[in-house]
């Protein structure tokens, strides 16, 4: 049977719905526990043996403050203290019930969202986030970062607040709104207000001149303007997404290593794709000789589209498998040569680029620098595409040369059109590699079902860029969406790596340990952890979030 959180996620309940279900389950467990303890107390402390059902009745009466039944008064101090604890729990439960269930039910009633905010300090203020707010807010909550989201759309703010997020309605172009969001004690302002971004930056600066301001924009050409206005950093998710999509193609034939995350001095973590014709193609991880030949450690692998952390030693490496490896830079470079095909992998003859906006423009720059021929498609003649037309039309795709192209990057701002273009391209050329830009998170699974080989979602990339800016957290690219975090080993002090069972409990894997003597990627399962040690872990989004939920630690910068 699946655990409760997974089962609820499969039903696609809202965050508030899940919170209500957790509340009901917790209430049942609490009442049951109190009933059992009360029954044992009455039997052994008060010498009054009665049925468990009477104990249940008394606990419910005490919880609801309707009385104590025939059991009062109690003779022993312990029973009196226990009943007081039940009474206090009942009062606290009443307030929680009012906040979580009763108030949100009356959505038509006038509710001051400010009153729902808990006191904030060292938080971030998010203004007019125009992507998928829940993706960013979930990311911040997983990282333990406090926040207040400001939305000028009262309905959106109310819905987010009802779902349990810290959101208020108001205009970020008014100083009073920032004051309501406690800007005096905030650490940063994140603005994504489109045409109102300059106004928002100036307003925030007028209220608190020293606040850090992070700006998101879909037009990287505006970066200089925002910085001159007062933004400390400008993030362009669309440019990064286009760069990553194009890099995925270039990575298959370039000789240098791809992006790597620095774990410590001279230690890096990266992904290595296995090419067609590589000496490792068809070899098990156990018999690969990677450690012996290069000194690099295989800490994970994408085998047949599934991430294995740690990988099964008997798993067979195939072309397009991706190995997650850690080691010194020289060892990783040697591994890159070791995995490369004996005959150099040729550049694709042609890459079709559907969409000439910010994403497509960034992707084209990468492909042009790599010397790859590109054919652009766009319905807007002003962008001067090679082929004018709808990328979802088969005739347009054929005219762009999809029939003999090596890959197609689908970068149109409309997800429905992207899905149609992906299906049409594969109907024309079943061997074409499809790289997909998703504008909504709900489209990601649809894109894979439509045959996409690689998908990046704008909301996810945006949230990751903000997380990295705020916490220094890193994400491997261009493939896999692997997250890397560093945490104190305090919860596992006295345990060994093996007995801590981190992979079994969360899906994350320890890839490096740092102590007073330095950092090592040589992980001994029998090593006893100290509270002052620091662990570097890798995992998928869900695995990292599960780790942070289970253990009371906050990630530190890499």
Protein backbone atom coordinates (compact mmCIF):
# COMPACT_ATOMS: atom_id res chain seq x y z
CA UNK A 1 0.00 0.00 0.00
CA UNK A 2 1.35 3.45 -0.90
CA UNK A 3 2.13 5.83 1.96
CA UNK A 4 -0.46 8.50 2.61
CA UNK A 5 1.41 11.49 1.06
CA UNK A 6 2.02 9.63 -2.22
CA UNK A 7 -1.59 8.45 -2.36
CA UNK A 8 -2.88 11.99 -1.86
CA UNK A 9 -0.57 13.39 -4.52
CA UNK A 10 -1.89 10.83 -7.00
CA UNK A 11 -5.44 12.13 -6.39
CA UNK A 12 -4.20 15.68 -7.18
CA UNK A 13 -5.75 17.26 -4.09
CA UNK A 14 -5.06 20.88 -3.28
CA UNK A 15 -2.67 21.74 -0.52
CA UNK A 16 -5.55 22.70 1.79
CA UNK A 17 -7.39 19.45 1.04
CA UNK A 18 -4.28 17.49 1.98
CA UNK A 19 -3.92 19.59 5.12
CA UNK A 20 -7.51 18.79 6.12
CA UNK A 21 -6.94 15.08 5.59
CA UNK A 22 -3.75 15.19 7.65
CA UNK A 23 -5.70 17.10 10.30
CA UNK A 24 -8.44 14.45 10.42
CA UNK A 25 -5.93 11.61 10.60
CA UNK A 26 -3.99 13.44 13.33
CA UNK A 27 -7.20 14.08 15.29
CA UNK A 28 -8.14 10.39 15.18
CA UNK A 29 -4.64 9.39 16.34
CA UNK A 30 -4.64 12.01 19.13
CA UNK A 31 -8.09 11.04 20.47
CA UNK A 32 -7.19 7.36 20.26
CA UNK A 33 -3.92 7.92 22.14
CA UNK A 34 -5.64 10.01 24.85
CA UNK A 35 -8.37 7.39 25.20
CA UNK A 36 -5.86 4.60 25.73
CA UNK A 37 -3.78 6.64 28.21
CA UNK A 38 -6.89 7.76 30.10
CA UNK A 39 -8.17 4.20 30.30
CA UNK A 40 -4.83 2.97 31.67
CA UNK A 41 -4.71 5.87 34.15
CA UNK A 42 -8.18 5.19 35.48
CA UNK A 43 -7.40 1.51 35.87
CA UNK A 44 -3.97 1.74 37.50
CA UNK A 45 -3.98 5.17 39.20
CA UNK A 46 -7.60 5.66 40.17
CA UNK A 47 -8.50 1.99 40.64
CA UNK A 48 -11.64 2.45 38.54
CA UNK A 49 -12.05 -0.25 35.94
CA UNK A 50 -14.57 0.58 33.24
CA UNK A 51 -14.97 0.01 29.50
CA UNK A 52 -12.76 1.61 26.88
CA UNK A 53 -15.87 3.19 25.36
CA UNK A 54 -16.52 5.13 28.56
CA UNK A 55 -12.93 6.37 28.48
CA UNK A 56 -13.47 7.46 24.88
CA UNK A 57 -16.66 9.32 25.89
CA UNK A 58 -14.87 11.14 28.72
CA UNK A 59 -11.96 12.19 26.46
CA UNK A 60 -14.37 13.56 23.84
CA UNK A 61 -16.37 15.42 26.50
CA UNK A 62 -13.15 16.93 27.85
CA UNK A 63 -11.93 17.87 24.37
CA UNK A 64 -15.20 19.59 23.51
CA UNK A 65 -15.56 21.18 27.00
CA UNK A 66 -19.05 19.68 27.35
CA UNK A 67 -18.24 17.98 30.66
CA UNK A 68 -16.32 15.14 32.27
CA UNK A 69 -19.00 12.51 32.67
CA UNK A 70 -19.18 10.59 35.94
CA UNK A 71 -15.42 10.29 36.34
CA UNK A 72 -14.74 13.69 37.93
CA UNK A 73 -13.15 14.46 40.30
CA UNK A 74 -9.89 12.53 40.16
CA UNK A 75 -7.90 11.61 43.24
CA UNK A 76 -4.35 11.35 41.92
CA UNK A 77 -2.30 14.39 40.80
CA UNK A 78 -1.18 12.62 37.64
CA UNK A 79 -4.73 12.11 36.43
CA UNK A 80 -5.62 15.72 37.15
CA UNK A 81 -2.59 16.93 35.20
CA UNK A 82 -3.47 14.60 32.33
CA UNK A 83 -7.05 15.93 32.16
CA UNK A 84 -5.71 19.51 32.14
CA UNK A 85 -3.48 18.52 29.19
CA UNK A 86 -6.53 17.17 27.35
CA UNK A 87 -8.41 20.42 28.03
CA UNK A 88 -5.55 22.58 26.72
CA UNK A 89 -5.22 20.34 23.66
CA UNK A 90 -8.93 20.77 23.02
CA UNK A 91 -8.67 24.55 23.14
CA UNK A 92 -5.68 24.55 20.76
CA UNK A 93 -7.47 22.14 18.47
CA UNK A 94 -10.49 24.43 18.38
CA UNK A 95 -8.44 27.37 17.15
CA UNK A 96 -6.71 25.18 14.57
CA UNK A 97 -10.05 23.85 13.33
CA UNK A 98 -11.33 27.38 12.97
CA UNK A 99 -8.28 28.49 10.98
CA UNK A 100 -7.90 25.47 8.71
CA UNK A 101 -11.48 24.37 8.07
CA UNK A 102 -14.16 26.79 9.21
CA UNK A 103 -12.85 30.16 7.98
CA UNK A 104 -11.86 28.98 4.46
CA UNK A 105 -15.33 27.48 3.98
CA UNK A 106 -16.87 30.94 4.12
CA UNK A 107 -14.97 32.36 1.15
CA UNK A 108 -17.67 34.93 0.53
CA UNK A 109 -17.12 36.45 3.96
CA UNK A 110 -14.80 39.39 4.36
CA UNK A 111 -11.47 37.99 5.56
CA UNK A 112 -8.41 40.13 6.20
CA UNK A 113 -5.57 38.08 4.77
CA UNK A 114 -3.05 40.05 6.84
CA UNK A 115 -4.52 38.49 9.97
CA UNK A 116 -3.61 35.04 8.68
CA UNK A 117 0.11 35.86 8.52
CA UNK A 118 2.39 34.63 11.26
CA UNK A 119 5.11 37.06 12.45
CA UNK A 120 7.85 37.19 9.80
CA UNK A 121 11.57 37.85 10.11
CA UNK A 122 14.38 37.27 7.63
CA UNK A 123 11.77 36.41 5.01
CA UNK A 124 11.42 37.23 1.32
CA UNK A 125 8.64 39.30 -0.20
CA UNK A 126 7.40 38.06 -3.59
CA UNK A 127 5.62 40.62 -5.77
CA UNK A 128 3.23 39.74 -8.61
CA UNK A 129 4.75 36.34 -9.40
CA UNK A 130 3.46 35.67 -12.92
CA UNK A 131 4.42 32.00 -13.32
CA UNK A 132 3.17 29.13 -11.17
CA UNK A 133 3.14 30.58 -7.67
CA UNK A 134 2.69 27.23 -5.94
CA UNK A 135 5.85 25.80 -7.53
CA UNK A 136 7.96 28.65 -6.13
CA UNK A 137 6.25 28.66 -2.74
CA UNK A 138 6.66 24.90 -2.35
CA UNK A 139 10.34 25.30 -3.25
CA UNK A 140 10.83 27.99 -0.61
CA UNK A 141 8.99 26.00 2.03
CA UNK A 142 11.12 22.93 1.24
CA UNK A 143 14.23 25.06 1.79
CA UNK A 144 12.90 26.50 5.04
CA UNK A 145 12.70 30.07 3.66
CA UNK A 146 9.92 32.25 5.11
CA UNK A 147 8.02 34.41 2.60
CA UNK A 148 5.05 36.68 1.98
CA UNK A 149 3.53 36.78 -1.51
CA UNK A 150 1.85 39.99 -2.65
CA UNK A 151 -0.74 39.74 -5.41
CA UNK A 152 -2.86 42.57 -6.80
CA UNK A 153 -5.39 39.88 -7.80
CA UNK A 154 -7.53 39.56 -4.67
CA UNK A 155 -9.06 36.28 -5.78
CA UNK A 156 -5.65 34.69 -6.41
CA UNK A 157 -4.32 35.94 -3.07
CA UNK A 158 -7.37 34.58 -1.24
CA UNK A 159 -7.06 31.18 -2.96
CA UNK A 160 -3.37 30.90 -2.08
CA UNK A 161 -4.12 31.94 1.50
CA UNK A 162 -6.96 29.40 1.74
CA UNK A 163 -4.53 26.74 0.53
CA UNK A 164 -2.24 27.56 3.44
CA UNK A 165 0.30 29.86 1.78
CA UNK A 166 1.41 33.21 3.23
CA UNK A 167 -0.24 35.52 0.71
CA UNK A 168 -1.87 38.94 0.90
CA UNK A 169 -3.62 41.10 -1.66
CA UNK A 170 -2.43 44.58 -2.53
CA UNK A 171 -0.45 46.63 -5.01
CA UNK A 172 3.35 46.36 -4.80
CA UNK A 173 3.46 49.83 -6.30
CA UNK A 174 2.24 51.20 -2.97
CA UNK A 175 4.57 51.58 0.02
CA UNK A 176 1.79 50.60 2.44
CA UNK A 177 1.63 47.11 0.89
CA UNK A 178 5.32 46.50 1.58
CA UNK A 179 4.84 47.69 5.14
CA UNK A 180 2.01 45.17 5.58
CA UNK A 181 4.41 42.47 4.36
CA UNK A 182 6.93 43.46 7.09
CA UNK A 183 9.62 44.74 4.73
CA UNK A 184 11.52 46.19 7.72
CA UNK A 185 12.47 42.66 8.83
CA UNK A 186 12.68 41.05 5.36
CA UNK A 187 15.87 39.83 3.75
CA UNK A 188 14.92 40.32 0.09
CA UNK A 189 12.23 41.35 -2.37
CA UNK A 190 11.52 39.24 -5.46
CA UNK A 191 9.63 41.05 -8.18
CA UNK A 192 8.10 39.54 -11.31
CA UNK A 193 5.68 42.32 -12.14
CA UNK A 194 6.15 42.60 -15.91
CA UNK A 195 5.63 46.17 -17.11
CA UNK A 196 5.23 47.31 -13.49
CA UNK A 197 8.64 45.96 -12.45
CA UNK A 198 10.41 49.34 -12.50
CA UNK A 199 7.61 50.90 -10.43
CA UNK A 200 7.83 48.00 -7.96
CA UNK A 201 11.61 48.29 -7.59
CA UNK A 202 11.42 52.04 -6.97
CA UNK A 203 8.62 51.58 -4.41
CA UNK A 204 10.55 48.92 -2.49
CA UNK A 205 13.70 51.09 -2.49
CA UNK A 206 11.73 54.08 -1.20
CA UNK A 207 10.48 52.07 1.76
CA UNK A 208 13.78 50.36 2.55
CA UNK A 209 16.86 51.47 0.58
CA UNK A 210 19.10 48.60 1.76
CA UNK A 211 16.79 45.68 0.89
CA UNK A 212 18.10 43.13 -1.63
CA UNK A 213 15.96 43.10 -4.78
CA UNK A 214 15.88 40.14 -7.17
CA UNK A 215 14.04 40.70 -10.44
CA UNK A 216 12.69 38.09 -12.87
CA UNK A 217 12.08 39.03 -16.49
CA UNK A 218 11.12 37.31 -19.72
CA UNK A 219 13.16 39.85 -21.71
CA UNK A 220 16.88 39.69 -20.91
CA UNK A 221 17.48 42.91 -22.85
CA UNK A 222 15.85 44.78 -19.95
CA UNK A 223 18.42 43.56 -17.42
CA UNK A 224 20.51 46.76 -17.59
CA UNK A 225 17.44 48.93 -17.08
CA UNK A 226 16.32 47.00 -14.02
CA UNK A 227 19.82 47.08 -12.53
CA UNK A 228 20.08 50.83 -13.11
CA UNK A 229 16.68 51.24 -11.45
CA UNK A 230 17.87 49.46 -8.31
CA UNK A 231 17.69 45.68 -8.79
CA UNK A 232 20.64 43.81 -7.26
CA UNK A 233 20.28 40.84 -9.62
CA UNK A 234 18.16 40.10 -12.69
CA UNK A 235 17.14 36.53 -13.56
CA UNK A 236 15.96 35.55 -17.03
CA UNK A 237 14.37 32.06 -16.78
CA UNK A 238 13.46 31.92 -20.46
CA UNK A 239 17.05 32.54 -21.55
CA UNK A 240 18.36 29.90 -19.15
CA UNK A 241 15.74 27.41 -20.30
CA UNK A 242 16.64 27.95 -23.96
CA UNK A 243 20.32 27.61 -23.13
CA UNK A 244 19.72 24.33 -21.26
CA UNK A 245 17.62 22.83 -24.04
CA UNK A 246 20.27 23.59 -26.65
CA UNK A 247 23.08 22.42 -24.35
CA UNK A 248 21.37 19.03 -24.10
CA UNK A 249 21.95 18.59 -27.84
CA UNK A 250 25.50 19.94 -27.80
CA UNK A 251 26.45 17.75 -24.83
CA UNK A 252 26.06 14.58 -26.89
CA UNK A 253 29.12 15.29 -29.06
CA UNK A 254 31.32 17.88 -27.35
CA UNK A 255 34.64 16.78 -25.93
CA UNK A 256 34.62 18.79 -22.71
CA UNK A 257 32.66 17.99 -19.59
CA UNK A 258 29.22 19.46 -19.09
CA UNK A 259 28.13 21.64 -16.17
CA UNK A 260 29.43 20.48 -12.80
CA UNK A 261 28.59 21.32 -9.22
CA UNK A 262 31.56 22.04 -6.98
CA UNK A 263 31.17 20.01 -3.79
CA UNK A 264 34.42 21.20 -2.25
CA UNK A 265 38.01 21.94 -3.10
CA UNK A 266 38.93 19.87 -6.19
CA UNK A 267 35.75 17.75 -5.88
CA UNK A 268 32.93 18.05 -8.40
CA UNK A 269 29.67 16.34 -9.27
CA UNK A 270 28.50 16.03 -12.86
CA UNK A 271 26.55 13.88 -15.30
CA UNK A 272 28.09 11.96 -18.16
CA UNK A 273 25.99 10.69 -21.07
CA UNK A 274 26.92 7.37 -22.65
CA UNK A 275 27.30 7.66 -26.41
CA UNK A 276 26.47 5.12 -29.05
CA UNK A 277 29.56 2.98 -29.58
CA UNK A 278 31.07 3.75 -26.15
CA UNK A 279 33.12 1.01 -24.53
CA UNK A 280 30.60 1.08 -21.66
CA UNK A 281 27.59 0.43 -23.91
CA UNK A 282 26.18 -2.96 -22.82
CA UNK A 283 28.41 -3.28 -19.74
CA UNK A 284 27.11 -3.55 -16.17
CA UNK A 285 28.10 -0.89 -13.66
CA UNK A 286 29.86 -3.57 -11.60
CA UNK A 287 32.08 -4.56 -14.55
CA UNK A 288 32.54 -1.06 -15.97
CA UNK A 289 35.91 -0.46 -14.29
CA UNK A 290 35.09 3.24 -13.91
CA UNK A 291 36.53 3.56 -10.42
CA UNK A 292 39.64 1.56 -11.25
CA UNK A 293 40.33 3.29 -14.58
CA UNK A 294 39.51 6.89 -13.71
CA UNK A 295 39.17 7.32 -9.94
CA UNK A 296 35.63 8.73 -10.31
CA UNK A 297 32.74 7.36 -8.23
CA UNK A 298 29.39 6.48 -9.79
CA UNK A 299 26.83 7.74 -7.26
CA UNK A 300 23.73 7.44 -9.41
CA UNK A 301 22.52 6.61 -12.88
CA UNK A 302 19.59 7.13 -15.20
CA UNK A 303 18.95 3.66 -16.61
CA UNK A 304 16.05 3.20 -19.04
CA UNK A 305 14.67 6.56 -17.96
CA UNK A 306 14.68 5.72 -14.23
CA UNK A 307 16.96 7.36 -11.69
CA UNK A 308 18.75 4.90 -9.41
CA UNK A 309 20.37 6.26 -6.24
CA UNK A 310 22.51 4.27 -5.67
CA UNK A 311 22.55 2.39 -8.97
CA UNK A 312 22.14 -1.36 -9.10
CA UNK A 313 25.67 -2.78 -9.65
CA UNK A 314 24.19 -5.25 -12.12
CA UNK A 315 22.32 -2.58 -14.10
CA UNK A 316 23.37 -2.59 -17.76
CA UNK A 317 24.64 0.72 -19.16
CA UNK A 318 23.14 1.54 -22.56
CA UNK A 319 23.54 4.37 -25.04
CA UNK A 320 21.81 7.49 -23.71
CA UNK A 321 22.19 6.25 -20.12
CA UNK A 322 23.39 9.07 -17.87
CA UNK A 323 25.86 8.43 -15.06
CA UNK A 324 25.93 10.73 -12.04
CA UNK A 325 29.58 10.81 -10.93
CA UNK A 326 31.70 12.54 -8.30
CA UNK A 327 35.43 13.03 -8.04
CA UNK A 328 38.34 15.34 -8.75
CA UNK A 329 38.15 17.37 -11.97
CA UNK A 330 40.95 15.36 -13.59
CA UNK A 331 39.15 12.09 -12.78
CA UNK A 332 35.92 13.37 -14.33
CA UNK A 333 37.72 14.50 -17.47
CA UNK A 334 39.35 11.10 -17.75
CA UNK A 335 35.93 9.50 -17.33
CA UNK A 336 34.60 11.68 -20.14
CA UNK A 337 37.29 10.28 -22.44
CA UNK A 338 36.69 6.76 -21.10
CA UNK A 339 32.98 6.84 -21.95
CA UNK A 340 33.37 8.50 -25.35
CA UNK A 341 32.70 6.51 -28.51
CA UNK A 342 35.72 5.26 -30.45
CA UNK A 343 34.35 7.07 -33.50
CA UNK A 344 33.46 10.70 -32.78
CA UNK A 345 29.75 11.38 -32.53
CA UNK A 346 28.69 13.63 -35.39
CA UNK A 347 26.76 16.80 -34.99
CA UNK A 348 23.14 16.53 -36.08
CA UNK A 349 22.76 17.62 -39.72
CA UNK A 350 20.00 20.00 -38.80
CA UNK A 351 18.08 21.16 -35.74
CA UNK A 352 14.61 22.61 -36.18
CA UNK A 353 13.80 25.38 -33.72
CA UNK A 354 10.08 26.04 -33.28
CA UNK A 355 9.62 29.45 -31.66
CA UNK A 356 11.82 32.53 -32.02
CA UNK A 357 11.08 34.23 -28.72
CA UNK A 358 13.41 34.58 -25.74
CA UNK A 359 13.74 30.80 -25.32
CA UNK A 360 14.34 30.14 -29.00
CA UNK A 361 16.80 33.01 -29.36
CA UNK A 362 18.91 31.75 -26.44
CA UNK A 363 18.86 28.21 -27.82
CA UNK A 364 19.90 29.41 -31.27
CA UNK A 365 22.93 31.23 -29.87
CA UNK A 366 24.19 28.01 -28.29
CA UNK A 367 23.59 25.98 -31.46
CA UNK A 368 25.24 28.62 -33.66
CA UNK A 369 28.31 28.66 -31.40
CA UNK A 370 28.49 24.87 -31.72
CA UNK A 371 28.36 25.12 -35.52
CA UNK A 372 25.00 23.35 -35.83
CA UNK A 373 22.69 24.32 -38.66
CA UNK A 374 19.32 25.56 -37.37
CA UNK A 375 16.05 26.20 -39.14
CA UNK A 376 13.67 28.47 -37.22
CA UNK A 377 9.87 28.39 -37.38
CA UNK A 378 7.61 31.17 -36.11
CA UNK A 379 4.21 32.52 -37.02
CA UNK A 380 5.41 36.09 -36.41
CA UNK A 381 7.20 37.45 -39.48
CA UNK A 382 8.72 40.22 -37.36
CA UNK A 383 11.08 37.68 -35.77
CA UNK A 384 12.46 36.90 -39.25
CA UNK A 385 12.21 33.10 -39.01
CA UNK A 386 13.44 30.80 -41.78
CA UNK A 387 9.93 29.39 -42.13
CA UNK A 388 6.83 31.44 -41.36
CA UNK A 389 3.93 29.39 -40.06
CA UNK A 390 2.39 27.35 -37.26
CA UNK A 391 4.80 24.71 -35.91
CA UNK A 392 1.84 22.42 -35.29
CA UNK A 393 1.13 22.11 -39.03
CA UNK A 394 2.72 19.16 -40.78
CA UNK A 395 3.38 21.10 -43.99
CA UNK A 396 5.29 23.78 -42.09
CA UNK A 397 7.42 21.16 -40.31
CA UNK A 398 8.21 19.40 -43.58
CA UNK A 399 9.16 22.71 -45.15
CA UNK A 400 11.58 23.27 -42.24
CA UNK A 401 13.29 19.94 -42.95
CA UNK A 402 12.04 17.87 -40.01
CA UNK A 403 12.19 14.76 -42.23
CA UNK A 404 15.98 14.52 -41.97
CA UNK A 405 16.66 16.72 -38.91
CA UNK A 406 18.45 15.29 -35.89
CA UNK A 407 16.38 17.16 -33.31
CA UNK A 408 13.58 19.64 -32.82
CA UNK A 409 13.39 22.17 -30.02
CA UNK A 410 9.75 23.01 -29.35
CA UNK A 411 9.83 26.46 -27.71
CA UNK A 412 6.45 28.04 -28.51
CA UNK A 413 4.77 29.94 -25.61
CA UNK A 414 1.59 27.85 -26.03
CA UNK A 415 1.69 24.34 -24.50
CA UNK A 416 -1.11 22.95 -26.67
CA UNK A 417 0.72 24.01 -29.82
CA UNK A 418 3.97 22.55 -28.46
CA UNK A 419 2.31 19.18 -27.85
CA UNK A 420 0.87 19.16 -31.36
CA UNK A 421 4.24 20.10 -32.87
CA UNK A 422 5.98 17.30 -30.96
CA UNK A 423 3.52 14.67 -32.17
CA UNK A 424 3.58 15.95 -35.75
CA UNK A 425 7.39 16.01 -35.88
CA UNK A 426 7.60 12.38 -34.74
CA UNK A 427 4.98 11.34 -37.26
CA UNK A 428 7.21 12.79 -39.99
CA UNK A 429 10.50 11.54 -38.54
CA UNK A 430 10.21 8.80 -35.85
CA UNK A 431 13.95 9.04 -35.08
CA UNK A 432 13.98 12.76 -34.33
CA UNK A 433 14.94 13.85 -30.80
CA UNK A 434 12.29 16.10 -29.25
CA UNK A 435 13.27 18.70 -26.64
CA UNK A 436 10.30 20.45 -25.10
CA UNK A 437 9.58 23.74 -23.33
CA UNK A 438 6.60 23.44 -20.95
CA UNK A 439 4.94 26.65 -19.80
CA UNK A 440 2.85 24.93 -17.11
CA UNK A 441 3.86 22.13 -14.73
CA UNK A 442 0.78 20.13 -15.71
CA UNK A 443 2.15 19.89 -19.25
CA UNK A 444 5.35 18.05 -18.26
CA UNK A 445 3.78 14.59 -17.97
CA UNK A 446 1.74 15.20 -21.12
CA UNK A 447 4.90 16.09 -23.05
CA UNK A 448 6.58 12.82 -22.08
CA UNK A 449 3.47 10.90 -23.08
CA UNK A 450 3.56 12.77 -26.40
CA UNK A 451 7.04 11.37 -26.98
CA UNK A 452 9.32 14.19 -25.82
CA UNK A 453 12.84 13.06 -24.92
CA UNK A 454 13.62 15.95 -22.62
CA UNK A 455 11.36 18.51 -20.96
CA UNK A 456 12.06 21.69 -19.01
CA UNK A 457 9.25 23.67 -17.38
CA UNK A 458 9.37 27.46 -17.06
CA UNK A 459 7.90 27.50 -13.50
CA UNK A 460 10.42 24.94 -12.28
CA UNK A 461 13.42 26.69 -13.85
CA UNK A 462 12.23 30.01 -12.42
CA UNK A 463 11.83 28.58 -8.92
CA UNK A 464 15.25 26.95 -9.09
CA UNK A 465 16.93 30.18 -10.14
CA UNK A 466 15.33 32.02 -7.23
CA UNK A 467 16.34 29.23 -4.81
CA UNK A 468 19.90 29.34 -6.04
CA UNK A 469 20.02 33.12 -5.70
CA UNK A 470 18.68 32.99 -2.14
CA UNK A 471 20.47 29.94 -0.79
CA UNK A 472 23.34 29.15 -3.12
CA UNK A 473 21.70 25.80 -3.90
CA UNK A 474 22.80 24.22 -7.18
CA UNK A 475 21.07 22.04 -9.76
CA UNK A 476 22.84 19.88 -12.29
CA UNK A 477 22.28 20.71 -15.93
CA UNK A 478 21.57 20.14 -18.71
CA UNK A 479 19.86 16.85 -17.82
CA UNK A 480 17.91 15.13 -15.10
CA UNK A 481 16.76 17.87 -12.71
CA UNK A 482 18.99 16.45 -9.98
CA UNK A 483 19.19 18.62 -6.87
CA UNK A 484 22.27 18.92 -4.68
CA UNK A 485 22.04 20.08 -1.07
CA UNK A 486 24.41 20.25 1.89
CA UNK A 487 23.07 19.71 5.39
CA UNK A 488 24.49 19.25 8.90
CA UNK A 489 24.74 15.63 10.06
CA UNK A 490 23.23 16.47 13.45
CA UNK A 491 20.13 14.21 13.10
CA UNK A 492 22.40 11.22 12.42
CA UNK A 493 25.02 11.79 15.12
CA UNK A 494 26.20 8.41 16.41
CA UNK A 495 24.71 6.54 13.44
CA UNK A 496 26.69 5.03 10.62
CA UNK A 497 25.95 5.84 6.98
CA UNK A 498 24.39 2.41 6.63
CA UNK A 499 22.26 2.52 9.78
CA UNK A 500 20.97 6.03 8.98
CA UNK A 501 19.17 4.48 5.95
CA UNK A 502 18.92 7.83 4.17
CA UNK A 503 18.36 6.33 0.66
CA UNK A 504 15.74 3.89 1.96
CA UNK A 505 13.87 6.56 3.94
CA UNK A 506 14.05 9.48 1.52
CA UNK A 507 15.48 8.47 -1.86
CA UNK A 508 18.49 10.81 -1.41
CA UNK A 509 22.07 9.59 -1.41
CA UNK A 510 25.10 10.88 0.49
CA UNK A 511 27.82 11.67 -2.06
CA UNK A 512 30.31 13.52 0.15
CA UNK A 513 31.11 14.01 3.83
CA UNK A 514 32.97 17.00 5.23
CA UNK A 515 34.62 17.13 8.67
CA UNK A 516 37.54 18.97 10.25
CA UNK A 517 39.99 17.10 8.03
CA UNK A 518 38.23 18.11 4.81
CA UNK A 519 35.81 16.57 2.32
CA UNK A 520 35.76 13.07 0.91
CA UNK A 521 33.64 11.31 -1.69
CA UNK A 522 34.87 7.92 -0.48
CA UNK A 523 31.76 6.93 1.46
CA UNK A 524 32.36 4.12 3.97
CA UNK A 525 28.96 2.61 4.97
CA UNK A 526 30.38 1.81 8.40
CA UNK A 527 31.58 5.35 9.12
CA UNK A 528 30.06 6.83 12.29
CA UNK A 529 28.72 10.33 11.77
CA UNK A 530 29.45 13.24 14.09
CA UNK A 531 27.05 16.11 14.78
CA UNK A 532 29.60 18.58 13.33
CA UNK A 533 29.93 16.70 10.04
CA UNK A 534 28.29 18.08 6.90
CA UNK A 535 26.63 15.82 4.36
CA UNK A 536 26.24 16.52 0.65
CA UNK A 537 23.24 14.74 -0.79
CA UNK A 538 21.78 14.34 -4.27
CA UNK A 539 18.27 13.40 -5.26
CA UNK A 540 15.24 14.28 -7.30
CA UNK A 541 12.84 17.06 -6.30
CA UNK A 542 10.58 14.66 -4.41
CA UNK A 543 13.48 12.92 -2.68
CA UNK A 544 15.04 16.17 -1.44
CA UNK A 545 11.70 17.48 -0.23
CA UNK A 546 11.05 14.18 1.56
CA UNK A 547 14.44 14.45 3.29
CA UNK A 548 13.77 18.01 4.44
CA UNK A 549 10.33 17.00 5.72
CA UNK A 550 11.64 14.10 7.77
CA UNK A 551 14.66 15.77 9.38
CA UNK A 552 14.78 19.10 11.18
CA UNK A 553 17.70 20.61 9.26
CA UNK A 554 18.11 23.50 6.85
CA UNK A 555 20.30 23.30 3.73
CA UNK A 556 23.44 25.40 3.66
CA UNK A 557 25.08 26.88 0.59
CA UNK A 558 27.37 24.68 -1.49
